[in-house]
Amino acid sequence: MDKRQLLEVIDFPKNNNFYKVNVYLKSGGYNLSCRICFGMIDMYVPKYYTRKDFDFLLSKSLDKYKGSNLAVPYYKPDGYIYRLGRKRTLTTDPFFKENEKCFYYSKNAQTPLTKYKKDFVDYLKERVLYIGKKMNLDMKGWTIRSGLFVSYYGICFPTKKQLKFDYRLFSFKEEIIDAIIIHELCHIFEHSHGPRFYTLLKSFCPNYDLLQSYINNSFFDGENGV
C-alpha cells in the first residue's frame, strides 16, 4: 500500500522541541522536498544530499507550518486511527465492532489500513454521487480509487471518468473531505487552476479556503483541531 522507501526516522530539534521526521528516498529528481500533512513530517531525499540543505529546508518548512498539528499523526500502528475527524482505537476484538470509538479490523489483515482504504472508497462512492448531483453532474459509471499520494490529495481524469483520492483524507471530518471532492469535480468543467476554476469552486464551496487550511494544518476535526 505504501511503496515509499523509508530510510530512517529522526528527531529534529527546533525551538526547544523535537519533531519526529520520516525520511524517504526520493524516487526521481535531485532536489530535497518536504511535505507536512496528516500530522506527519515527511522529507524526501535523493541518493546524494548534504545535511546542511536538509536542515535548512526542514527548518524553513516547520516555520511555514507553525501552529499546525505536528505531533499527532492520523494513524499510530497498534494504537489509533483518525476516521472522519474522530480518533478511533484500533481493535481486532469483534465485541467492539459497532463501537463508534473504535476502528475494528480482522485479525487476518496485515494492517488496519487495508480495511481503512476500502471503507474510504465505499464512503467516496456515495459522496461523489450526492455532490455530483448537487453540481448537475451524473457521476454514475465513474471509477473511484484511493492510494497514497505525495504531491496531491486528489486527481480527476474526466476523459477516463476516473477519480483518485489519498486515503489519508478519511482522517478528516466530512465537510473537509467534501471540499476536496468538489475541487476535483470542478475539473470536469475547468482543467487548469485558473481564475475561472476558483470562481467555480467558490460558488459550490464558499468556505473552501478555510477547509483547505484545516488539511494543511492537520486539524482532523476542523476548527476543533485534532
C-alpha atoms as a PDB file:
ATOM      1  CA  MET A   1       0.000   0.000   0.000  1.00  0.00           C
ATOM      2  CA  ASP A   2       2.802   2.404   0.935  1.00  0.00           C
ATOM      3  CA  LYS A   3       5.506   1.870  -1.671  1.00  0.00           C
ATOM      4  CA  ARG A   4       7.780   4.613  -0.369  1.00  0.00           C
ATOM      5  CA  GLN A   5      11.226   3.563   0.828  1.00  0.00           C
ATOM      6  CA  LEU A   6      11.670   4.711   4.417  1.00  0.00           C
ATOM      7  CA  LEU A   7      15.327   5.388   5.146  1.00  0.00           C
ATOM      8  CA  GLU A   8      15.083   6.484   8.767  1.00  0.00           C
ATOM      9  CA  VAL A   9      13.018   8.289  11.371  1.00  0.00           C
ATOM     10  CA  ILE A  10      14.805  11.136  13.139  1.00  0.00           C
ATOM     11  CA  ASP A  11      14.081  13.591  15.922  1.00  0.00           C
ATOM     12  CA  PHE A  12      14.760  17.083  14.604  1.00  0.00           C
ATOM     13  CA  PRO A  13      15.484  19.770  17.242  1.00  0.00           C
ATOM     14  CA  LYS A  14      13.964  23.236  16.789  1.00  0.00           C
ATOM     15  CA  ASN A  15      12.809  25.929  19.230  1.00  0.00           C
ATOM     16  CA  ASN A  16      13.311  23.694  22.275  1.00  0.00           C
ATOM     17  CA  ASN A  17      11.181  20.959  20.697  1.00  0.00           C
ATOM     18  CA  PHE A  18      11.924  17.689  18.939  1.00  0.00           C
ATOM     19  CA  TYR A  19       9.937  16.857  15.805  1.00  0.00           C
ATOM     20  CA  LYS A  20       9.655  13.294  14.525  1.00  0.00           C
ATOM     21  CA  VAL A  21      10.562  13.263  10.826  1.00  0.00           C
ATOM     22  CA  ASN A  22      10.173  10.397   8.355  1.00  0.00           C
ATOM     23  CA  VAL A  23      12.958  10.394   5.789  1.00  0.00           C
ATOM     24  CA  TYR A  24      12.135   8.725   2.457  1.00  0.00           C
ATOM     25  CA  LEU A  25      14.250   8.076  -0.603  1.00  0.00           C
ATOM     26  CA  LYS A  26      13.045  10.253  -3.463  1.00  0.00           C
ATOM     27  CA  SER A  27      12.038   8.221  -6.499  1.00  0.00           C
ATOM     28  CA  GLY A  28      13.175  10.834  -9.011  1.00  0.00           C
ATOM     29  CA  GLY A  29      14.943  14.178  -9.225  1.00  0.00           C
ATOM     30  CA  TYR A  30      17.856  15.655  -7.348  1.00  0.00           C
ATOM     31  CA  ASN A  31      16.204  18.170  -5.033  1.00  0.00           C
ATOM     32  CA  LEU A  32      15.073  17.730  -1.456  1.00  0.00           C
ATOM     33  CA  SER A  33      11.390  18.156  -0.708  1.00  0.00           C
ATOM     34  CA  CYS A  34       9.296  18.291   2.428  1.00  0.00           C
ATOM     35  CA  ARG A  35       5.597  17.625   2.999  1.00  0.00           C
ATOM     36  CA  ILE A  36       3.854  18.330   6.272  1.00  0.00           C
ATOM     37  CA  CYS A  37       0.340  16.897   6.389  1.00  0.00           C
ATOM     38  CA  PHE A  38      -1.849  14.327   8.144  1.00  0.00           C
ATOM     39  CA  GLY A  39       0.004  15.156  11.360  1.00  0.00           C
ATOM     40  CA  MET A  40       3.289  13.917   9.923  1.00  0.00           C
ATOM     41  CA  ILE A  41       6.524  15.437   8.664  1.00  0.00           C
ATOM     42  CA  ASP A  42       7.936  13.676   5.607  1.00  0.00           C
ATOM     43  CA  MET A  43      11.250  14.545   3.990  1.00  0.00           C
ATOM     44  CA  TYR A  44      12.093  13.180   0.538  1.00  0.00           C
ATOM     45  CA  VAL A  45      15.782  12.992  -0.243  1.00  0.00           C
ATOM     46  CA  PRO A  46      17.790  11.987  -3.335  1.00  0.00           C
ATOM     47  CA  LYS A  47      20.594   9.476  -3.108  1.00  0.00           C
ATOM     48  CA  TYR A  48      23.146  12.233  -2.502  1.00  0.00           C
ATOM     49  CA  TYR A  49      22.438  15.356  -0.459  1.00  0.00           C
ATOM     50  CA  THR A  50      24.013  17.496   2.258  1.00  0.00           C
ATOM     51  CA  ARG A  51      22.801  17.656   5.842  1.00  0.00           C
ATOM     52  CA  LYS A  52      23.055  21.439   5.617  1.00  0.00           C
ATOM     53  CA  ASP A  53      20.475  21.556   2.818  1.00  0.00           C
ATOM     54  CA  PHE A  54      18.321  19.034   4.674  1.00  0.00           C
ATOM     55  CA  ASP A  55      18.295  21.080   7.889  1.00  0.00           C
ATOM     56  CA  PHE A  56      17.658  24.338   6.028  1.00  0.00           C
ATOM     57  CA  LEU A  57      14.616  23.068   4.119  1.00  0.00           C
ATOM     58  CA  LEU A  58      13.156  21.273   7.121  1.00  0.00           C
ATOM     59  CA  SER A  59      13.592  24.281   9.396  1.00  0.00           C
ATOM     60  CA  LYS A  60      12.010  26.578   6.790  1.00  0.00           C
ATOM     61  CA  SER A  61       9.073  24.178   6.361  1.00  0.00           C
ATOM     62  CA  LEU A  62       8.482  23.994  10.108  1.00  0.00           C
ATOM     63  CA  ASP A  63       8.391  27.785  10.278  1.00  0.00           C
ATOM     64  CA  LYS A  64       5.805  27.842   7.486  1.00  0.00           C
ATOM     65  CA  TYR A  65       3.545  25.407   9.323  1.00  0.00           C
ATOM     66  CA  LYS A  66       3.969  26.933  12.759  1.00  0.00           C
ATOM     67  CA  GLY A  67       0.782  26.320  14.727  1.00  0.00           C
ATOM     68  CA  SER A  68      -0.044  23.154  12.816  1.00  0.00           C
ATOM     69  CA  ASN A  69      -0.589  19.743  14.348  1.00  0.00           C
ATOM     70  CA  LEU A  70       2.892  18.262  14.100  1.00  0.00           C
ATOM     71  CA  ALA A  71       2.714  15.823  16.983  1.00  0.00           C
ATOM     72  CA  VAL A  72      -0.423  13.738  16.374  1.00  0.00           C
ATOM     73  CA  PRO A  73      -0.313  11.681  13.144  1.00  0.00           C
ATOM     74  CA  TYR A  74      -3.543  10.421  11.598  1.00  0.00           C
ATOM     75  CA  TYR A  75      -2.506   6.823  12.378  1.00  0.00           C
ATOM     76  CA  LYS A  76      -0.426   5.095  15.002  1.00  0.00           C
ATOM     77  CA  PRO A  77       0.067   1.339  14.498  1.00  0.00           C
ATOM     78  CA  ASP A  78      -1.314  -0.733  17.386  1.00  0.00           C
ATOM     79  CA  GLY A  79      -2.798   2.453  18.792  1.00  0.00           C
ATOM     80  CA  TYR A  80      -5.375   4.529  16.981  1.00  0.00           C
ATOM     81  CA  ILE A  81      -6.518   5.939  13.660  1.00  0.00           C
ATOM     82  CA  TYR A  82      -8.495   9.066  12.809  1.00  0.00           C
ATOM     83  CA  ARG A  83     -11.674   8.475  10.812  1.00  0.00           C
ATOM     84  CA  LEU A  84     -13.999  11.307   9.728  1.00  0.00           C
ATOM     85  CA  GLY A  85     -12.396  13.657  12.229  1.00  0.00           C
ATOM     86  CA  ARG A  86     -12.624  11.347  15.222  1.00  0.00           C
ATOM     87  CA  LYS A  87      -9.892   9.392  16.948  1.00  0.00           C
ATOM     88  CA  ARG A  88     -10.678   5.654  16.971  1.00  0.00           C
ATOM     89  CA  THR A  89      -8.899   2.994  18.994  1.00  0.00           C
ATOM     90  CA  LEU A  90      -7.682   0.122  16.819  1.00  0.00           C
ATOM     91  CA  THR A  91      -9.078  -3.267  17.740  1.00  0.00           C
ATOM     92  CA  THR A  92      -9.455  -6.787  16.360  1.00  0.00           C
ATOM     93  CA  ASP A  93     -11.987  -7.747  19.040  1.00  0.00           C
ATOM     94  CA  PRO A  94     -15.408  -8.347  17.415  1.00  0.00           C
ATOM     95  CA  PHE A  95     -17.058  -7.187  20.649  1.00  0.00           C
ATOM     96  CA  PHE A  96     -16.092  -3.604  19.742  1.00  0.00           C
ATOM     97  CA  LYS A  97     -17.076  -3.885  16.066  1.00  0.00           C
ATOM     98  CA  GLU A  98     -20.016  -1.468  16.399  1.00  0.00           C
ATOM     99  CA  ASN A  99     -18.350   0.806  18.948  1.00  0.00           C
ATOM    100  CA  GLU A 100     -18.035   4.322  17.458  1.00  0.00           C
ATOM    101  CA  LYS A 101     -14.892   4.972  19.475  1.00  0.00           C
ATOM    102  CA  CYS A 102     -13.115   2.016  17.872  1.00  0.00           C
ATOM    103  CA  PHE A 103     -11.937   1.002  14.424  1.00  0.00           C
ATOM    104  CA  TYR A 104     -12.399  -2.732  14.030  1.00  0.00           C
ATOM    105  CA  TYR A 105     -10.427  -4.811  11.536  1.00  0.00           C
ATOM    106  CA  SER A 106      -9.909  -8.534  11.086  1.00  0.00           C
ATOM    107  CA  LYS A 107      -7.071 -10.335  12.845  1.00  0.00           C
ATOM    108  CA  ASN A 108      -6.171 -11.832   9.464  1.00  0.00           C
ATOM    109  CA  ALA A 109      -5.450  -8.405   7.971  1.00  0.00           C
ATOM    110  CA  GLN A 110      -1.793  -7.448   7.709  1.00  0.00           C
ATOM    111  CA  THR A 111      -2.673  -3.866   8.605  1.00  0.00           C
ATOM    112  CA  PRO A 112      -5.824  -1.920   9.551  1.00  0.00           C
ATOM    113  CA  LEU A 113      -5.107   0.343   6.587  1.00  0.00           C
ATOM    114  CA  THR A 114      -6.417  -2.336   4.216  1.00  0.00           C
ATOM    115  CA  LYS A 115      -9.926  -2.015   5.644  1.00  0.00           C
ATOM    116  CA  TYR A 116      -9.488   1.730   6.135  1.00  0.00           C
ATOM    117  CA  LYS A 117      -8.784   2.201   2.426  1.00  0.00           C
ATOM    118  CA  LYS A 118     -11.735   0.029   1.396  1.00  0.00           C
ATOM    119  CA  ASP A 119     -14.086   1.857   3.773  1.00  0.00           C
ATOM    120  CA  PHE A 120     -12.933   5.169   2.333  1.00  0.00           C
ATOM    121  CA  VAL A 121     -13.670   4.113  -1.248  1.00  0.00           C
ATOM    122  CA  ASP A 122     -17.150   2.963  -0.194  1.00  0.00           C
ATOM    123  CA  TYR A 123     -17.670   6.302   1.531  1.00  0.00           C
ATOM    124  CA  LEU A 124     -16.438   8.224  -1.518  1.00  0.00           C
ATOM    125  CA  LYS A 125     -18.770   6.434  -3.907  1.00  0.00           C
ATOM    126  CA  GLU A 126     -21.821   7.703  -2.053  1.00  0.00           C
ATOM    127  CA  ARG A 127     -20.486  11.224  -1.525  1.00  0.00           C
ATOM    128  CA  VAL A 128     -19.361  11.649  -5.153  1.00  0.00           C
ATOM    129  CA  LEU A 129     -22.815  10.686  -6.415  1.00  0.00           C
ATOM    130  CA  TYR A 130     -24.503  13.028  -3.934  1.00  0.00           C
ATOM    131  CA  ILE A 131     -22.203  16.009  -4.523  1.00  0.00           C
ATOM    132  CA  GLY A 132     -22.174  15.411  -8.275  1.00  0.00           C
ATOM    133  CA  LYS A 133     -25.969  15.633  -8.323  1.00  0.00           C
ATOM    134  CA  LYS A 134     -25.758  18.974  -6.481  1.00  0.00           C
ATOM    135  CA  MET A 135     -23.376  20.167  -9.206  1.00  0.00           C
ATOM    136  CA  ASN A 136     -25.651  18.883 -12.011  1.00  0.00           C
ATOM    137  CA  LEU A 137     -23.196  16.112 -12.832  1.00  0.00           C
ATOM    138  CA  ASP A 138     -24.062  12.483 -13.482  1.00  0.00           C
ATOM    139  CA  MET A 139     -21.254  10.544 -11.788  1.00  0.00           C
ATOM    140  CA  LYS A 140     -22.697   7.107 -12.459  1.00  0.00           C
ATOM    141  CA  GLY A 141     -20.160   4.875 -14.164  1.00  0.00           C
ATOM    142  CA  TRP A 142     -17.156   6.726 -12.799  1.00  0.00           C
ATOM    143  CA  THR A 143     -14.306   4.732 -11.238  1.00  0.00           C
ATOM    144  CA  ILE A 144     -13.203   5.865  -7.792  1.00  0.00           C
ATOM    145  CA  ARG A 145      -9.915   4.726  -6.327  1.00  0.00           C
ATOM    146  CA  SER A 146      -7.706   5.621  -3.402  1.00  0.00           C
ATOM    147  CA  GLY A 147      -3.998   5.499  -2.799  1.00  0.00           C
ATOM    148  CA  LEU A 148      -1.146   7.253  -1.063  1.00  0.00           C
ATOM    149  CA  PHE A 149      -0.014  10.325  -2.976  1.00  0.00           C
ATOM    150  CA  VAL A 150       2.979  12.517  -2.245  1.00  0.00           C
ATOM    151  CA  SER A 151       2.053  15.744  -4.015  1.00  0.00           C
ATOM    152  CA  TYR A 152      -1.756  15.938  -4.147  1.00  0.00           C
ATOM    153  CA  TYR A 153      -4.920  14.995  -2.270  1.00  0.00           C
ATOM    154  CA  GLY A 154      -6.993  14.015  -5.272  1.00  0.00           C
ATOM    155  CA  ILE A 155      -6.911  13.923  -9.044  1.00  0.00           C
ATOM    156  CA  CYS A 156      -9.570  13.870 -11.751  1.00  0.00           C
ATOM    157  CA  PHE A 157      -9.366  12.225 -15.187  1.00  0.00           C
ATOM    158  CA  PRO A 158     -12.533  13.404 -16.998  1.00  0.00           C
ATOM    159  CA  THR A 159     -11.821  11.539 -20.242  1.00  0.00           C
ATOM    160  CA  LYS A 160     -11.323   8.284 -18.325  1.00  0.00           C
ATOM    161  CA  LYS A 161     -14.189   9.015 -15.920  1.00  0.00           C
ATOM    162  CA  GLN A 162     -11.854   8.314 -13.038  1.00  0.00           C
ATOM    163  CA  LEU A 163     -11.229   9.938  -9.656  1.00  0.00           C
ATOM    164  CA  LYS A 164      -8.404   9.178  -7.241  1.00  0.00           C
ATOM    165  CA  PHE A 165      -8.083  10.361  -3.656  1.00  0.00           C
ATOM    166  CA  ASP A 166      -5.448   9.990  -0.958  1.00  0.00           C
ATOM    167  CA  TYR A 167      -6.953   7.540   1.537  1.00  0.00           C
ATOM    168  CA  ARG A 168      -5.487   9.549   4.435  1.00  0.00           C
ATOM    169  CA  LEU A 169      -8.164  12.174   3.746  1.00  0.00           C
ATOM    170  CA  PHE A 170     -10.503   9.760   5.538  1.00  0.00           C
ATOM    171  CA  SER A 171      -8.979  11.100   8.765  1.00  0.00           C
ATOM    172  CA  PHE A 172     -10.758  14.451   8.302  1.00  0.00           C
ATOM    173  CA  LYS A 173     -14.356  15.329   9.107  1.00  0.00           C
ATOM    174  CA  GLU A 174     -16.990  15.023   6.370  1.00  0.00           C
ATOM    175  CA  GLU A 175     -17.157  18.705   5.382  1.00  0.00           C
ATOM    176  CA  ILE A 176     -13.410  18.828   4.745  1.00  0.00           C
ATOM    177  CA  ILE A 177     -13.477  15.721   2.540  1.00  0.00           C
ATOM    178  CA  ASP A 178     -16.434  17.199   0.633  1.00  0.00           C
ATOM    179  CA  ALA A 179     -14.321  20.246  -0.201  1.00  0.00           C
ATOM    180  CA  ILE A 180     -11.702  18.065  -1.913  1.00  0.00           C
ATOM    181  CA  ILE A 181     -14.396  16.127  -3.777  1.00  0.00           C
ATOM    182  CA  ILE A 182     -15.893  19.409  -5.025  1.00  0.00           C
ATOM    183  CA  HIS A 183     -12.435  20.578  -6.051  1.00  0.00           C
ATOM    184  CA  GLU A 184     -11.875  17.509  -8.194  1.00  0.00           C
ATOM    185  CA  LEU A 185     -15.368  17.584  -9.732  1.00  0.00           C
ATOM    186  CA  CYS A 186     -14.801  21.198 -10.750  1.00  0.00           C
ATOM    187  CA  HIS A 187     -12.022  19.905 -13.005  1.00  0.00           C
ATOM    188  CA  ILE A 188     -14.720  18.339 -15.161  1.00  0.00           C
ATOM    189  CA  PHE A 189     -15.648  21.912 -16.101  1.00  0.00           C
ATOM    190  CA  GLU A 190     -12.223  23.562 -15.879  1.00  0.00           C
ATOM    191  CA  HIS A 191      -8.984  21.610 -16.335  1.00  0.00           C
ATOM    192  CA  SER A 192      -6.457  24.132 -15.003  1.00  0.00           C
ATOM    193  CA  HIS A 193      -6.289  26.036 -11.715  1.00  0.00           C
ATOM    194  CA  GLY A 194      -7.048  29.409 -13.248  1.00  0.00           C
ATOM    195  CA  PRO A 195      -9.329  32.244 -12.075  1.00  0.00           C
ATOM    196  CA  ARG A 196     -12.374  30.643 -13.708  1.00  0.00           C
ATOM    197  CA  PHE A 197     -11.697  27.404 -11.846  1.00  0.00           C
ATOM    198  CA  TYR A 198     -11.553  29.063  -8.438  1.00  0.00           C
ATOM    199  CA  THR A 199     -14.615  31.189  -9.154  1.00  0.00           C
ATOM    200  CA  LEU A 200     -16.498  27.976  -9.939  1.00  0.00           C
ATOM    201  CA  LEU A 201     -15.048  26.200  -6.911  1.00  0.00           C
ATOM    202  CA  LYS A 202     -16.066  29.011  -4.539  1.00  0.00           C
ATOM    203  CA  SER A 203     -19.582  29.013  -5.976  1.00  0.00           C
ATOM    204  CA  PHE A 204     -20.020  25.412  -4.846  1.00  0.00           C
ATOM    205  CA  CYS A 205     -17.860  25.646  -1.713  1.00  0.00           C
ATOM    206  CA  PRO A 206     -17.666  29.259  -0.413  1.00  0.00           C
ATOM    207  CA  ASN A 207     -15.511  28.340   2.609  1.00  0.00           C
ATOM    208  CA  TYR A 208     -13.062  26.237   0.604  1.00  0.00           C
ATOM    209  CA  ASP A 209     -10.000  28.203   1.744  1.00  0.00           C
ATOM    210  CA  LEU A 210     -10.859  27.620   5.398  1.00  0.00           C
ATOM    211  CA  LEU A 211     -11.470  23.907   4.869  1.00  0.00           C
ATOM    212  CA  GLN A 212      -8.230  23.617   2.887  1.00  0.00           C
ATOM    213  CA  SER A 213      -6.368  25.261   5.763  1.00  0.00           C
ATOM    214  CA  TYR A 214      -7.624  22.537   8.111  1.00  0.00           C
ATOM    215  CA  ILE A 215      -5.970  19.949   5.864  1.00  0.00           C
ATOM    216  CA  ASN A 216      -2.759  21.958   5.627  1.00  0.00           C
ATOM    217  CA  ASN A 217      -2.655  22.240   9.419  1.00  0.00           C
ATOM    218  CA  SER A 218      -3.721  18.614  10.024  1.00  0.00           C
ATOM    219  CA  PHE A 219      -6.767  19.684  12.032  1.00  0.00           C
ATOM    220  CA  PHE A 220      -8.739  16.482  11.557  1.00  0.00           C
ATOM    221  CA  ASP A 221     -11.843  17.834  13.286  1.00  0.00           C
ATOM    222  CA  GLY A 222     -11.684  21.229  11.589  1.00  0.00           C
ATOM    223  CA  GLU A 223     -11.943  24.237  13.885  1.00  0.00           C
ATOM    224  CA  ASN A 224     -11.721  21.975  16.928  1.00  0.00           C
ATOM    225  CA  GLY A 225      -8.198  20.948  15.904  1.00  0.00           C
ATOM    226  CA  VAL A 226      -7.116  17.330  16.368  1.00  0.00           C
END
